[in-house]
Amino acid sequence: MEAHINLGVSYFYKGLVDKAITHFKHVIEINPNNADAHYNLGIAYGSKGEYDLAYEEIRRGIELRNR
């Protein structure tokens, strides 16, 4: 899981946001309770102007982190 998150973050910082989103979603498919994947997915959505999706994913990431 960590490898996919790291790849997603790397792609995000290279401006390859869609590839980053793919990796974050992959982690969430395998482990829906991965806070980092949800949070990073939200950041990626926000960078694309998809603010409703960004809000939901960031909120979910924070919620999972605070369990």
Protein backbone atom coordinates (compact mmCIF):
# COMPACT_ATOMS: atom_id res chain seq x y z
CA MET A 1 0.00 0.00 0.00
CA GLU A 2 2.72 2.43 0.98
CA ALA A 3 4.37 2.04 -2.42
CA HIS A 4 1.18 3.08 -4.22
CA ILE A 5 0.76 6.09 -1.97
CA ASN A 6 4.37 7.10 -2.57
CA LEU A 7 3.94 6.68 -6.32
CA GLY A 8 0.78 8.75 -6.19
CA VAL A 9 2.53 11.54 -4.31
CA SER A 10 5.44 11.45 -6.76
CA TYR A 11 3.12 11.63 -9.75
CA PHE A 12 1.20 14.46 -8.13
CA TYR A 13 4.34 16.54 -7.65
CA LYS A 14 5.35 15.87 -11.25
CA GLY A 15 2.01 17.26 -12.39
CA LEU A 16 0.64 13.85 -13.39
CA VAL A 17 -2.48 14.21 -11.29
CA ASP A 18 -4.59 11.61 -13.08
CA LYS A 19 -1.89 8.97 -12.52
CA ALA A 20 -1.71 10.01 -8.88
CA ILE A 21 -5.47 9.63 -8.53
CA THR A 22 -5.28 6.14 -10.02
CA HIS A 23 -2.76 5.05 -7.38
CA PHE A 24 -4.68 6.57 -4.47
CA LYS A 25 -7.90 4.92 -5.66
CA HIS A 26 -6.09 1.58 -5.94
CA VAL A 27 -5.10 1.77 -2.29
CA ILE A 28 -8.66 2.66 -1.28
CA GLU A 29 -10.05 -0.30 -3.24
CA ILE A 30 -7.80 -2.64 -1.27
CA ASN A 31 -8.06 -0.83 2.07
CA PRO A 32 -11.01 1.59 2.31
CA ASN A 33 -9.80 2.70 5.74
CA ASN A 34 -6.45 4.07 4.59
CA ALA A 35 -6.50 7.67 5.82
CA ASP A 36 -3.47 8.78 3.80
CA ALA A 37 -4.94 7.53 0.53
CA HIS A 38 -8.21 9.39 1.12
CA TYR A 39 -6.47 12.58 2.16
CA ASN A 40 -4.05 12.56 -0.78
CA LEU A 41 -6.87 11.73 -3.18
CA GLY A 42 -8.69 14.78 -1.87
CA ILE A 43 -5.67 16.99 -2.44
CA ALA A 44 -5.37 15.66 -5.99
CA TYR A 45 -9.05 16.28 -6.70
CA GLY A 46 -8.71 19.80 -5.34
CA SER A 47 -5.83 20.53 -7.68
CA LYS A 48 -8.13 19.63 -10.58
CA GLY A 49 -10.87 21.94 -9.32
CA GLU A 50 -13.11 19.06 -8.25
CA TYR A 51 -13.82 20.64 -4.90
CA ASP A 52 -16.83 18.56 -3.82
CA LEU A 53 -14.87 15.34 -4.31
CA ALA A 54 -11.84 16.93 -2.66
CA TYR A 55 -13.85 17.92 0.40
CA GLU A 56 -15.32 14.44 0.83
CA GLU A 57 -11.99 12.65 0.50
CA ILE A 58 -10.10 15.02 2.79
CA ARG A 59 -12.91 14.82 5.35
CA ARG A 60 -12.81 11.02 5.17
CA GLY A 61 -9.03 10.97 5.57
CA ILE A 62 -9.19 13.18 8.65
CA GLU A 63 -12.05 11.13 10.09
CA LEU A 64 -10.07 7.91 9.67
CA ARG A 65 -6.92 9.46 11.10
CA ASN A 66 -8.78 10.55 14.24
CA ARG A 67 -10.17 7.10 15.05
